[in-house]
PDB file of N, CA and C in Angstrom:
ATOM      1  N   PRO A   1     113.072-145.822 123.824  1.00  0.00           N
ATOM      2  CA  PRO A   1     112.487-146.477 124.969  1.00  0.00           C
ATOM      3  C   PRO A   1     111.141-147.069 124.596  1.00  0.00           C
ATOM      4  N   MET A   2     110.889-148.143 125.192  1.00  0.00           N
ATOM      5  CA  MET A   2     109.644-148.848 124.937  1.00  0.00           C
ATOM      6  C   MET A   2     108.688-148.574 126.088  1.00  0.00           C
ATOM      7  N   ASP A   3     107.442-148.591 125.766  1.00  0.00           N
ATOM      8  CA  ASP A   3     106.414-148.302 126.764  1.00  0.00           C
ATOM      9  C   ASP A   3     105.402-149.444 126.715  1.00  0.00           C
ATOM     10  N   ALA A   4     105.004-149.912 127.883  1.00  0.00           N
ATOM     11  CA  ALA A   4     104.009-150.993 127.920  1.00  0.00           C
ATOM     12  C   ALA A   4     102.634-150.394 127.798  1.00  0.00           C
ATOM     13  N   GLY A   5     101.881-150.879 126.839  1.00  0.00           N
ATOM     14  CA  GLY A   5     100.545-150.359 126.620  1.00  0.00           C
ATOM     15  C   GLY A   5      99.545-151.039 127.547  1.00  0.00           C
ATOM     16  N   GLY A   6      98.316-150.643 127.490  1.00  0.00           N
ATOM     17  CA  GLY A   6      97.268-151.206 128.324  1.00  0.00           C
ATOM     18  C   GLY A   6      97.001-152.672 128.010  1.00  0.00           C
ATOM     19  N   ASP A   7      97.341-153.135 126.822  1.00  0.00           N
ATOM     20  CA  ASP A   7      97.086-154.515 126.475  1.00  0.00           C
ATOM     21  C   ASP A   7      98.263-155.416 126.804  1.00  0.00           C
ATOM     22  N   GLY A   8      99.343-154.875 127.430  1.00  0.00           N
ATOM     23  CA  GLY A   8     100.463-155.669 127.872  1.00  0.00           C
ATOM     24  C   GLY A   8     101.572-155.796 126.829  1.00  0.00           C
ATOM     25  N   ARG A   9     101.389-155.216 125.641  1.00  0.00           N
ATOM     26  CA  ARG A   9     102.454-155.288 124.630  1.00  0.00           C
ATOM     27  C   ARG A   9     103.345-154.058 124.741  1.00  0.00           C
ATOM     28  N   GLU A  10     104.611-154.258 124.439  1.00  0.00           N
ATOM     29  CA  GLU A  10     105.517-153.110 124.423  1.00  0.00           C
ATOM     30  C   GLU A  10     105.415-152.425 123.067  1.00  0.00           C
ATOM     31  N   ARG A  11     105.459-151.105 123.097  1.00  0.00           N
ATOM     32  CA  ARG A  11     105.410-150.372 121.841  1.00  0.00           C
ATOM     33  C   ARG A  11     106.328-149.160 121.900  1.00  0.00           C
ATOM     34  N   SER A  12     106.672-148.695 120.784  1.00  0.00           N
ATOM     35  CA  SER A  12     107.595-147.567 120.668  1.00  0.00           C
ATOM     36  C   SER A  12     106.838-146.270 120.927  1.00  0.00           C
ATOM     37  N   ARG A  13     107.535-145.297 121.494  1.00  0.00           N
ATOM     38  CA  ARG A  13     106.894-143.996 121.744  1.00  0.00           C
ATOM     39  C   ARG A  13     106.780-143.182 120.460  1.00  0.00           C
ATOM     40  N   SER A  14     107.689-143.431 119.533  1.00  0.00           N
ATOM     41  CA  SER A  14     107.618-142.667 118.288  1.00  0.00           C
ATOM     42  C   SER A  14     106.620-143.350 117.362  1.00  0.00           C
ATOM     43  N   PRO A  15     105.762-142.559 116.767  1.00  0.00           N
ATOM     44  CA  PRO A  15     104.761-143.159 115.882  1.00  0.00           C
ATOM     45  C   PRO A  15     105.416-143.675 114.608  1.00  0.00           C
ATOM     46  N   ARG A  16     104.904-144.760 114.122  1.00  0.00           N
ATOM     47  CA  ARG A  16     105.410-145.308 112.868  1.00  0.00           C
ATOM     48  C   ARG A  16     104.695-144.600 111.730  1.00  0.00           C
ATOM     49  N   SER A  17     105.481-144.296 110.742  1.00  0.00           N
ATOM     50  CA  SER A  17     104.864-143.612 109.597  1.00  0.00           C
ATOM     51  C   SER A  17     104.863-144.564 108.417  1.00  0.00           C
ATOM     52  N   ALA A  18     103.747-145.091 108.132  1.00  0.00           N
ATOM     53  CA  ALA A  18     103.581-145.969 106.974  1.00  0.00           C
ATOM     54  C   ALA A  18     102.940-145.152 105.869  1.00  0.00           C
ATOM     55  N   PRO A  19     103.444-145.261 104.672  1.00  0.00           N
ATOM     56  CA  PRO A  19     102.856-144.474 103.595  1.00  0.00           C
ATOM     57  C   PRO A  19     101.448-144.945 103.292  1.00  0.00           C
ATOM     58  N   ALA A  20     100.588-143.977 103.135  1.00  0.00           N
ATOM     59  CA  ALA A  20      99.207-144.294 102.805  1.00  0.00           C
ATOM     60  C   ALA A  20      99.152-144.715 101.345  1.00  0.00           C
ATOM     61  N   PRO A  21      98.358-145.694 101.002  1.00  0.00           N
ATOM     62  CA  PRO A  21      98.325-146.158  99.613  1.00  0.00           C
ATOM     63  C   PRO A  21      97.883-145.074  98.640  1.00  0.00           C
ATOM     64  N   GLU A  22      96.986-144.178  99.054  1.00  0.00           N
ATOM     65  CA  GLU A  22      96.534-143.138  98.132  1.00  0.00           C
ATOM     66  C   GLU A  22      97.542-142.000  97.994  1.00  0.00           C
ATOM     67  N   ALA A  23      98.524-141.939  98.904  1.00  0.00           N
ATOM     68  CA  ALA A  23      99.507-140.860  98.870  1.00  0.00           C
ATOM     69  C   ALA A  23     100.765-141.266  98.111  1.00  0.00           C
ATOM     70  N   ALA A  24     100.772-142.385  97.449  1.00  0.00           N
ATOM     71  CA  ALA A  24     101.961-142.823  96.706  1.00  0.00           C
ATOM     72  C   ALA A  24     102.230-141.830  95.573  1.00  0.00           C
ATOM     73  N   GLU A  25     103.498-141.483  95.400  1.00  0.00           N
ATOM     74  CA  GLU A  25     103.869-140.499  94.381  1.00  0.00           C
ATOM     75  C   GLU A  25     103.968-141.162  93.016  1.00  0.00           C
ATOM     76  N   GLU A  26     103.637-140.382  92.018  1.00  0.00           N
ATOM     77  CA  GLU A  26     103.798-140.858  90.654  1.00  0.00           C
ATOM     78  C   GLU A  26     105.268-140.695  90.268  1.00  0.00           C
ATOM     79  N   PRO A  27     105.775-141.575  89.453  1.00  0.00           N
ATOM     80  CA  PRO A  27     107.181-141.414  89.047  1.00  0.00           C
ATOM     81  C   PRO A  27     107.363-140.104  88.278  1.00  0.00           C
ATOM     82  N   ARG A  28     108.463-139.414  88.586  1.00  0.00           N
ATOM     83  CA  ARG A  28     108.739-138.122  87.930  1.00  0.00           C
ATOM     84  C   ARG A  28     109.287-138.355  86.541  1.00  0.00           C
ATOM     85  N   LYS A  29     108.972-137.434  85.684  1.00  0.00           N
ATOM     86  CA  LYS A  29     109.509-137.483  84.331  1.00  0.00           C
ATOM     87  C   LYS A  29     110.940-136.979  84.376  1.00  0.00           C
ATOM     88  N   LYS A  30     111.803-137.633  83.655  1.00  0.00           N
ATOM     89  CA  LYS A  30     113.196-137.209  83.618  1.00  0.00           C
ATOM     90  C   LYS A  30     113.303-135.980  82.734  1.00  0.00           C
ATOM     91  N   SER A  31     113.997-134.973  83.247  1.00  0.00           N
ATOM     92  CA  SER A  31     114.189-133.758  82.453  1.00  0.00           C
ATOM     93  C   SER A  31     115.620-133.735  81.949  1.00  0.00           C
ATOM     94  N   SER A  32     115.845-133.023  80.909  1.00  0.00           N
ATOM     95  CA  SER A  32     117.174-132.953  80.315  1.00  0.00           C
ATOM     96  C   SER A  32     118.083-132.009  81.101  1.00  0.00           C
ATOM     97  N   GLY A  33     117.586-131.361  82.129  1.00  0.00           N
ATOM     98  CA  GLY A  33     118.387-130.442  82.926  1.00  0.00           C
ATOM     99  C   GLY A  33     118.399-129.032  82.366  1.00  0.00           C
ATOM    100  N   LYS A  34     117.894-128.861  81.188  1.00  0.00           N
ATOM    101  CA  LYS A  34     117.850-127.535  80.583  1.00  0.00           C
ATOM    102  C   LYS A  34     116.429-127.014  80.643  1.00  0.00           C
ATOM    103  N   ARG A  35     116.338-125.731  80.877  1.00  0.00           N
ATOM    104  CA  ARG A  35     115.008-125.144  80.867  1.00  0.00           C
ATOM    105  C   ARG A  35     114.882-124.260  79.639  1.00  0.00           C
ATOM    106  N   LYS A  36     113.685-123.916  79.332  1.00  0.00           N
ATOM    107  CA  LYS A  36     113.448-123.113  78.141  1.00  0.00           C
ATOM    108  C   LYS A  36     114.072-121.731  78.310  1.00  0.00           C
ATOM    109  N   ALA A  37     114.633-121.223  77.232  1.00  0.00           N
ATOM    110  CA  ALA A  37     115.271-119.908  77.265  1.00  0.00           C
ATOM    111  C   ALA A  37     114.208-118.828  77.386  1.00  0.00           C
ATOM    112  N   ASP A  38     114.456-117.936  78.306  1.00  0.00           N
ATOM    113  CA  ASP A  38     113.560-116.815  78.528  1.00  0.00           C
ATOM    114  C   ASP A  38     114.282-115.556  78.037  1.00  0.00           C
ATOM    115  N   PRO A  39     113.662-114.723  77.228  1.00  0.00           N
ATOM    116  CA  PRO A  39     114.339-113.522  76.729  1.00  0.00           C
ATOM    117  C   PRO A  39     114.847-112.627  77.864  1.00  0.00           C
ATOM    118  N   ALA A  40     114.131-112.572  78.969  1.00  0.00           N
ATOM    119  CA  ALA A  40     114.579-111.748  80.099  1.00  0.00           C
ATOM    120  C   ALA A  40     115.869-112.325  80.682  1.00  0.00           C
ATOM    121  N   ASP A  41     115.981-113.661  80.718  1.00  0.00           N
ATOM    122  CA  ASP A  41     117.201-114.289  81.216  1.00  0.00           C
ATOM    123  C   ASP A  41     118.372-113.992  80.291  1.00  0.00           C
ATOM    124  N   ASP A  42     118.120-114.013  78.973  1.00  0.00           N
ATOM    125  CA  ASP A  42     119.183-113.720  78.016  1.00  0.00           C
ATOM    126  C   ASP A  42     119.674-112.291  78.175  1.00  0.00           C
ATOM    127  N   GLU A  43     118.752-111.357  78.361  1.00  0.00           N
ATOM    128  CA  GLU A  43     119.130-109.954  78.547  1.00  0.00           C
ATOM    129  C   GLU A  43     119.921-109.784  79.840  1.00  0.00           C
ATOM    130  N   GLU A  44     119.486-110.447  80.896  1.00  0.00           N
ATOM    131  CA  GLU A  44     120.180-110.371  82.182  1.00  0.00           C
ATOM    132  C   GLU A  44     121.589-110.948  82.053  1.00  0.00           C
ATOM    133  N   MET A  45     121.714-112.082  81.359  1.00  0.00           N
ATOM    134  CA  MET A  45     123.021-112.707  81.176  1.00  0.00           C
ATOM    135  C   MET A  45     123.942-111.802  80.368  1.00  0.00           C
ATOM    136  N   ALA A  46     123.426-111.183  79.325  1.00  0.00           N
ATOM    137  CA  ALA A  46     124.229-110.269  78.506  1.00  0.00           C
ATOM    138  C   ALA A  46     124.685-109.067  79.333  1.00  0.00           C
ATOM    139  N   ARG A  47     123.785-108.543  80.166  1.00  0.00           N
ATOM    140  CA  ARG A  47     124.143-107.409  81.019  1.00  0.00           C
ATOM    141  C   ARG A  47     125.225-107.799  82.016  1.00  0.00           C
ATOM    142  N   MET A  48     125.087-108.988  82.613  1.00  0.00           N
ATOM    143  CA  MET A  48     126.070-109.450  83.589  1.00  0.00           C
ATOM    144  C   MET A  48     127.433-109.684  82.930  1.00  0.00           C
ATOM    145  N   GLU A  49     127.434-110.250  81.711  1.00  0.00           N
ATOM    146  CA  GLU A  49     128.693-110.473  81.012  1.00  0.00           C
ATOM    147  C   GLU A  49     129.367-109.155  80.654  1.00  0.00           C
ATOM    148  N   ALA A  50     128.569-108.146  80.274  1.00  0.00           N
ATOM    149  CA  ALA A  50     129.129-106.833  79.955  1.00  0.00           C
ATOM    150  C   ALA A  50     129.734-106.196  81.207  1.00  0.00           C
ATOM    151  N   GLU A  51     129.048-106.318  82.338  1.00  0.00           N
ATOM    152  CA  GLU A  51     129.585-105.789  83.600  1.00  0.00           C
ATOM    153  C   GLU A  51     130.877-106.497  83.967  1.00  0.00           C
ATOM    154  N   TRP A  52     130.915-107.821  83.792  1.00  0.00           N
ATOM    155  CA  TRP A  52     132.106-108.592  84.127  1.00  0.00           C
ATOM    156  C   TRP A  52     133.272-108.178  83.231  1.00  0.00           C
ATOM    157  N   ALA A  53     133.010-108.008  81.938  1.00  0.00           N
ATOM    158  CA  ALA A  53     134.066-107.601  81.010  1.00  0.00           C
ATOM    159  C   ALA A  53     134.603-106.221  81.372  1.00  0.00           C
ATOM    160  N   ALA A  54     133.716-105.300  81.711  1.00  0.00           N
ATOM    161  CA  ALA A  54     134.150-103.950  82.089  1.00  0.00           C
ATOM    162  C   ALA A  54     134.952-103.988  83.378  1.00  0.00           C
ATOM    163  N   SER A  55     134.505-104.782  84.332  1.00  0.00           N
ATOM    164  CA  SER A  55     135.221-104.913  85.605  1.00  0.00           C
ATOM    165  C   SER A  55     136.599-105.526  85.394  1.00  0.00           C
ATOM    166  N   SER A  56     136.676-106.555  84.565  1.00  0.00           N
ATOM    167  CA  SER A  56     137.953-107.202  84.281  1.00  0.00           C
ATOM    168  C   SER A  56     138.910-106.240  83.590  1.00  0.00           C
ATOM    169  N   ALA A  57     138.408-105.468  82.650  1.00  0.00           N
ATOM    170  CA  ALA A  57     139.239-104.504  81.938  1.00  0.00           C
ATOM    171  C   ALA A  57     139.758-103.426  82.889  1.00  0.00           C
ATOM    172  N   ALA A  58     138.912-102.972  83.804  1.00  0.00           N
ATOM    173  CA  ALA A  58     139.325-101.952  84.775  1.00  0.00           C
ATOM    174  C   ALA A  58     140.402-102.506  85.707  1.00  0.00           C
ATOM    175  N   LYS A  59     140.224-103.751  86.161  1.00  0.00           N
ATOM    176  CA  LYS A  59     141.222-104.365  87.045  1.00  0.00           C
ATOM    177  C   LYS A  59     142.550-104.544  86.328  1.00  0.00           C
ATOM    178  N   LYS A  60     142.502-104.963  85.059  1.00  0.00           N
ATOM    179  CA  LYS A  60     143.721-105.172  84.292  1.00  0.00           C
ATOM    180  C   LYS A  60     144.446-103.845  84.074  1.00  0.00           C
ATOM    181  N   ALA A  61     143.697-102.793  83.760  1.00  0.00           N
ATOM    182  CA  ALA A  61     144.299-101.475  83.554  1.00  0.00           C
ATOM    183  C   ALA A  61     144.934-100.955  84.846  1.00  0.00           C
ATOM    184  N   ALA A  62     144.259-101.169  85.974  1.00  0.00           N
ATOM    185  CA  ALA A  62     144.802-100.730  87.257  1.00  0.00           C
ATOM    186  C   ALA A  62     146.079-101.490  87.593  1.00  0.00           C
ATOM    187  N   ALA A  63     146.119-102.786  87.312  1.00  0.00           N
ATOM    188  CA  ALA A  63     147.309-103.586  87.582  1.00  0.00           C
ATOM    189  C   ALA A  63     148.474-103.140  86.705  1.00  0.00           C
ATOM    190  N   GLU A  64     148.194-102.881  85.423  1.00  0.00           N
ATOM    191  CA  GLU A  64     149.248-102.406  84.522  1.00  0.00           C
ATOM    192  C   GLU A  64     149.779-101.047  84.959  1.00  0.00           C
ATOM    193  N   GLU A  65     148.899-100.179  85.412  1.00  0.00           N
ATOM    194  CA  GLU A  65     149.313 -98.854  85.891  1.00  0.00           C
ATOM    195  C   GLU A  65     150.183 -98.976  87.140  1.00  0.00           C
ATOM    196  N   ALA A  66     149.831 -99.897  88.029  1.00  0.00           N
ATOM    197  CA  ALA A  66     150.616-100.099  89.247  1.00  0.00           C
ATOM    198  C   ALA A  66     152.020-100.608  88.905  1.00  0.00           C
ATOM    199  N   VAL A  67     152.111-101.522  87.959  1.00  0.00           N
ATOM    200  CA  VAL A  67     153.418-102.038  87.535  1.00  0.00           C
ATOM    201  C   VAL A  67     154.231-100.923  86.884  1.00  0.00           C
ATOM    202  N   LYS A  68     153.570-100.112  86.075  1.00  0.00           N
ATOM    203  CA  LYS A  68     154.260 -99.002  85.405  1.00  0.00           C
ATOM    204  C   LYS A  68     154.821 -98.017  86.436  1.00  0.00           C
ATOM    205  N   ARG A  69     154.017 -97.684  87.459  1.00  0.00           N
ATOM    206  CA  ARG A  69     154.492 -96.764  88.511  1.00  0.00           C
ATOM    207  C   ARG A  69     155.656 -97.372  89.276  1.00  0.00           C
ATOM    208  N   LEU A  70     155.576 -98.669  89.577  1.00  0.00           N
ATOM    209  CA  LEU A  70     156.640 -99.346  90.309  1.00  0.00           C
ATOM    210  C   LEU A  70     157.937 -99.331  89.505  1.00  0.00           C
ATOM    211  N   MET A  71     157.841 -99.658  88.226  1.00  0.00           N
ATOM    212  CA  MET A  71     159.044 -99.683  87.393  1.00  0.00           C
ATOM    213  C   MET A  71     159.586 -98.279  87.163  1.00  0.00           C
ATOM    214  N   GLN A  72     158.724 -97.294  87.084  1.00  0.00           N
ATOM    215  CA  GLN A  72     159.174 -95.915  86.898  1.00  0.00           C
ATOM    216  C   GLN A  72     160.010 -95.475  88.091  1.00  0.00           C
ATOM    217  N   GLY A  73     159.649 -95.922  89.276  1.00  0.00           N
ATOM    218  CA  GLY A  73     160.413 -95.584  90.473  1.00  0.00           C
ATOM    219  C   GLY A  73     161.761 -96.268  90.516  1.00  0.00           C
ATOM    220  N   LYS A  74     161.920 -97.368  89.786  1.00  0.00           N
ATOM    221  CA  LYS A  74     163.174 -98.113  89.778  1.00  0.00           C
ATOM    222  C   LYS A  74     164.084 -97.742  88.608  1.00  0.00           C
ATOM    223  N   ARG A  75     163.618 -96.915  87.686  1.00  0.00           N
ATOM    224  CA  ARG A  75     164.419 -96.537  86.529  1.00  0.00           C
ATOM    225  C   ARG A  75     165.366 -95.401  86.869  1.00  0.00           C
ATOM    226  N   TYR A  76     166.497 -95.405  86.203  1.00  0.00           N
ATOM    227  CA  TYR A  76     167.416 -94.275  86.297  1.00  0.00           C
ATOM    228  C   TYR A  76     166.943 -93.196  85.336  1.00  0.00           C
ATOM    229  N   ASP A  77     167.243 -91.938  85.661  1.00  0.00           N
ATOM    230  CA  ASP A  77     166.865 -90.841  84.785  1.00  0.00           C
ATOM    231  C   ASP A  77     168.115 -90.052  84.448  1.00  0.00           C
ATOM    232  N   PRO A  78     168.637 -90.077  83.284  1.00  0.00           N
ATOM    233  CA  PRO A  78     168.232 -90.791  82.084  1.00  0.00           C
ATOM    234  C   PRO A  78     168.478 -92.298  82.238  1.00  0.00           C
ATOM    235  N   PRO A  79     167.819 -93.105  81.402  1.00  0.00           N
ATOM    236  CA  PRO A  79     167.930 -94.553  81.533  1.00  0.00           C
ATOM    237  C   PRO A  79     169.375 -95.050  81.427  1.00  0.00           C
ATOM    238  N   LEU A  80     169.701 -96.058  82.206  1.00  0.00           N
ATOM    239  CA  LEU A  80     171.033 -96.652  82.212  1.00  0.00           C
ATOM    240  C   LEU A  80     170.929 -98.030  81.563  1.00  0.00           C
ATOM    241  N   PHE A  81     171.877 -98.341  80.667  1.00  0.00           N
ATOM    242  CA  PHE A  81     171.842 -99.601  79.936  1.00  0.00           C
ATOM    243  C   PHE A  81     173.095-100.415  80.214  1.00  0.00           C
ATOM    244  N   LYS A  82     173.004-101.714  79.962  1.00  0.00           N
ATOM    245  CA  LYS A  82     174.115-102.633  80.145  1.00  0.00           C
ATOM    246  C   LYS A  82     174.290-103.416  78.841  1.00  0.00           C
ATOM    247  N   ASP A  83     175.535-103.538  78.366  1.00  0.00           N
ATOM    248  CA  ASP A  83     175.761-104.292  77.130  1.00  0.00           C
ATOM    249  C   ASP A  83     176.162-105.728  77.446  1.00  0.00           C
ATOM    250  N   GLU A  84     176.497-106.488  76.403  1.00  0.00           N
ATOM    251  CA  GLU A  84     176.818-107.903  76.569  1.00  0.00           C
ATOM    252  C   GLU A  84     178.068-108.124  77.412  1.00  0.00           C
ATOM    253  N   ASP A  85     179.002-107.162  77.407  1.00  0.00           N
ATOM    254  CA  ASP A  85     180.246-107.281  78.177  1.00  0.00           C
ATOM    255  C   ASP A  85     180.056-106.917  79.645  1.00  0.00           C
ATOM    256  N   GLY A  86     178.925-106.330  79.999  1.00  0.00           N
ATOM    257  CA  GLY A  86     178.677-105.913  81.375  1.00  0.00           C
ATOM    258  C   GLY A  86     178.931-104.442  81.603  1.00  0.00           C
ATOM    259  N   ASP A  87     179.345-103.719  80.535  1.00  0.00           N
ATOM    260  CA  ASP A  87     179.577-102.280  80.664  1.00  0.00           C
ATOM    261  C   ASP A  87     178.235-101.574  80.811  1.00  0.00           C
ATOM    262  N   GLN A  88     178.231-100.516  81.634  1.00  0.00           N
ATOM    263  CA  GLN A  88     177.016 -99.731  81.826  1.00  0.00           C
ATOM    264  C   GLN A  88     177.234 -98.321  81.289  1.00  0.00           C
ATOM    265  N   ALA A  89     176.234 -97.795  80.596  1.00  0.00           N
ATOM    266  CA  ALA A  89     176.296 -96.436  80.055  1.00  0.00           C
ATOM    267  C   ALA A  89     174.876 -95.978  79.761  1.00  0.00           C
ATOM    268  N   HIS A  90     174.749 -94.673  79.523  1.00  0.00           N
ATOM    269  CA  HIS A  90     173.437 -94.131  79.196  1.00  0.00           C
ATOM    270  C   HIS A  90     173.087 -94.369  77.729  1.00  0.00           C
ATOM    271  N   GLU A  91     174.115 -94.544  76.884  1.00  0.00           N
ATOM    272  CA  GLU A  91     173.871 -94.892  75.488  1.00  0.00           C
ATOM    273  C   GLU A  91     175.102 -95.603  74.941  1.00  0.00           C
ATOM    274  N   PHE A  92     174.891 -96.479  73.985  1.00  0.00           N
ATOM    275  CA  PHE A  92     175.973 -97.212  73.343  1.00  0.00           C
ATOM    276  C   PHE A  92     175.949 -96.914  71.854  1.00  0.00           C
ATOM    277  N   TRP A  93     177.140 -96.806  71.282  1.00  0.00           N
ATOM    278  CA  TRP A  93     177.285 -96.536  69.856  1.00  0.00           C
ATOM    279  C   TRP A  93     178.084 -97.668  69.237  1.00  0.00           C
ATOM    280  N   GLU A  94     177.769 -97.990  67.982  1.00  0.00           N
ATOM    281  CA  GLU A  94     178.538 -98.994  67.257  1.00  0.00           C
ATOM    282  C   GLU A  94     178.942 -98.418  65.915  1.00  0.00           C
ATOM    283  N   GLU A  95     180.106 -98.884  65.427  1.00  0.00           N
ATOM    284  CA  GLU A  95     180.627 -98.366  64.170  1.00  0.00           C
ATOM    285  C   GLU A  95     180.141 -99.232  63.023  1.00  0.00           C
ATOM    286  N   ILE A  96     179.657 -98.565  61.990  1.00  0.00           N
ATOM    287  CA  ILE A  96     179.245 -99.253  60.777  1.00  0.00           C
ATOM    288  C   ILE A  96     180.536 -99.651  60.044  1.00  0.00           C
ATOM    289  N   PRO A  97     180.573-100.817  59.422  1.00  0.00           N
ATOM    290  CA  PRO A  97     181.815-101.257  58.736  1.00  0.00           C
ATOM    291  C   PRO A  97     182.410-100.169  57.838  1.00  0.00           C
ATOM    292  N   PRO A  98     183.738-100.178  57.716  1.00  0.00           N
ATOM    293  CA  PRO A  98     184.429 -99.111  56.992  1.00  0.00           C
ATOM    294  C   PRO A  98     184.014 -98.935  55.538  1.00  0.00           C
ATOM    295  N   GLY A  99     183.394 -99.935  54.945  1.00  0.00           N
ATOM    296  CA  GLY A  99     182.964 -99.794  53.555  1.00  0.00           C
ATOM    297  C   GLY A  99     181.939 -98.682  53.393  1.00  0.00           C
ATOM    298  N   ARG A 100     181.337 -98.252  54.482  1.00  0.00           N
ATOM    299  CA  ARG A 100     180.312 -97.195  54.406  1.00  0.00           C
ATOM    300  C   ARG A 100     180.809 -95.949  55.133  1.00  0.00           C
ATOM    301  N   LYS A 101     182.081 -95.628  55.022  1.00  0.00           N
ATOM    302  CA  LYS A 101     182.715 -94.416  55.561  1.00  0.00           C
ATOM    303  C   LYS A 101     182.868 -94.444  57.079  1.00  0.00           C
ATOM    304  N   GLY A 102     182.695 -95.594  57.743  1.00  0.00           N
ATOM    305  CA  GLY A 102     182.958 -95.698  59.178  1.00  0.00           C
ATOM    306  C   GLY A 102     182.073 -94.830  60.044  1.00  0.00           C
ATOM    307  N   LYS A 103     180.790 -94.737  59.727  1.00  0.00           N
ATOM    308  CA  LYS A 103     179.867 -93.916  60.519  1.00  0.00           C
ATOM    309  C   LYS A 103     179.508 -94.626  61.821  1.00  0.00           C
ATOM    310  N   LEU A 104     179.097 -93.865  62.797  1.00  0.00           N
ATOM    311  CA  LEU A 104     178.620 -94.405  64.077  1.00  0.00           C
ATOM    312  C   LEU A 104     177.087 -94.366  64.100  1.00  0.00           C
ATOM    313  N   GLN A 105     176.522 -95.383  64.714  1.00  0.00           N
ATOM    314  CA  GLN A 105     175.069 -95.381  64.908  1.00  0.00           C
ATOM    315  C   GLN A 105     174.772 -95.893  66.321  1.00  0.00           C
ATOM    316  N   LYS A 106     173.648 -95.505  66.832  1.00  0.00           N
ATOM    317  CA  LYS A 106     173.253 -95.899  68.172  1.00  0.00           C
ATOM    318  C   LYS A 106     172.950 -97.401  68.190  1.00  0.00           C
ATOM    319  N   ALA A 107     173.496 -98.127  69.164  1.00  0.00           N
ATOM    320  CA  ALA A 107     173.278 -99.567  69.272  1.00  0.00           C
ATOM    321  C   ALA A 107     171.897 -99.841  69.853  1.00  0.00           C
ATOM    322  N   THR A 108     171.225-100.826  69.269  1.00  0.00           N
ATOM    323  CA  THR A 108     169.897-101.193  69.759  1.00  0.00           C
ATOM    324  C   THR A 108     169.816-102.668  70.123  1.00  0.00           C
ATOM    325  N   GLN A 109     170.768-103.471  69.677  1.00  0.00           N
ATOM    326  CA  GLN A 109     170.749-104.909  69.968  1.00  0.00           C
ATOM    327  C   GLN A 109     171.804-105.259  70.972  1.00  0.00           C
ATOM    328  N   GLY A 110     171.511-106.226  71.835  1.00  0.00           N
ATOM    329  CA  GLY A 110     172.481-106.717  72.809  1.00  0.00           C
ATOM    330  C   GLY A 110     172.615-105.850  74.041  1.00  0.00           C
ATOM    331  N   ILE A 111     171.683-104.910  74.220  1.00  0.00           N
ATOM    332  CA  ILE A 111     171.730-104.081  75.430  1.00  0.00           C
ATOM    333  C   ILE A 111     170.420-104.271  76.208  1.00  0.00           C
ATOM    334  N   SER A 112     170.494-104.087  77.510  1.00  0.00           N
ATOM    335  CA  SER A 112     169.306-104.182  78.362  1.00  0.00           C
ATOM    336  C   SER A 112     169.330-103.047  79.370  1.00  0.00           C
ATOM    337  N   GLU A 113     168.168-102.632  79.806  1.00  0.00           N
ATOM    338  CA  GLU A 113     168.082-101.526  80.748  1.00  0.00           C
ATOM    339  C   GLU A 113     168.413-102.009  82.154  1.00  0.00           C
ATOM    340  N   VAL A 114     169.096-101.151  82.904  1.00  0.00           N
ATOM    341  CA  VAL A 114     169.466-101.455  84.280  1.00  0.00           C
ATOM    342  C   VAL A 114     168.521-100.698  85.201  1.00  0.00           C
ATOM    343  N   TYR A 115     168.048-101.385  86.240  1.00  0.00           N
ATOM    344  CA  TYR A 115     167.123-100.766  87.202  1.00  0.00           C
ATOM    345  C   TYR A 115     167.781-100.621  88.552  1.00  0.00           C
ATOM    346  N   LYS A 116     167.295 -99.700  89.357  1.00  0.00           N
ATOM    347  CA  LYS A 116     167.814 -99.480  90.705  1.00  0.00           C
ATOM    348  C   LYS A 116     167.479-100.698  91.568  1.00  0.00           C
ATOM    349  N   PRO A 117     168.361-101.025  92.496  1.00  0.00           N
ATOM    350  CA  PRO A 117     168.069-102.177  93.383  1.00  0.00           C
ATOM    351  C   PRO A 117     166.941-101.900  94.349  1.00  0.00           C
TER     352      PRO A 117
END
């Protein structure tokens, strides 16, 4: 809103702010964005990184333990395995070729553990 002054001119109610010539700012020096390293800052950063590493390790261990407990609850006791044909058993045996007297040995390849639904 404009207000009529005593001299008959309209003027604004808000004062105009013109910069004073003596208050002009000097141009700032450009900085590289990096500040000088302070030994206290380095120690603080090292302490924080050590805390973060310990916290991360604790979280990872807790997550692994939770997965282990979950899978332990889903395992059969004794463990149940499934072979390539779809047969399920607690253990599988395979025969060594007859050139070596036809011995049996426990199968370790081509089987996977079966978990409870």
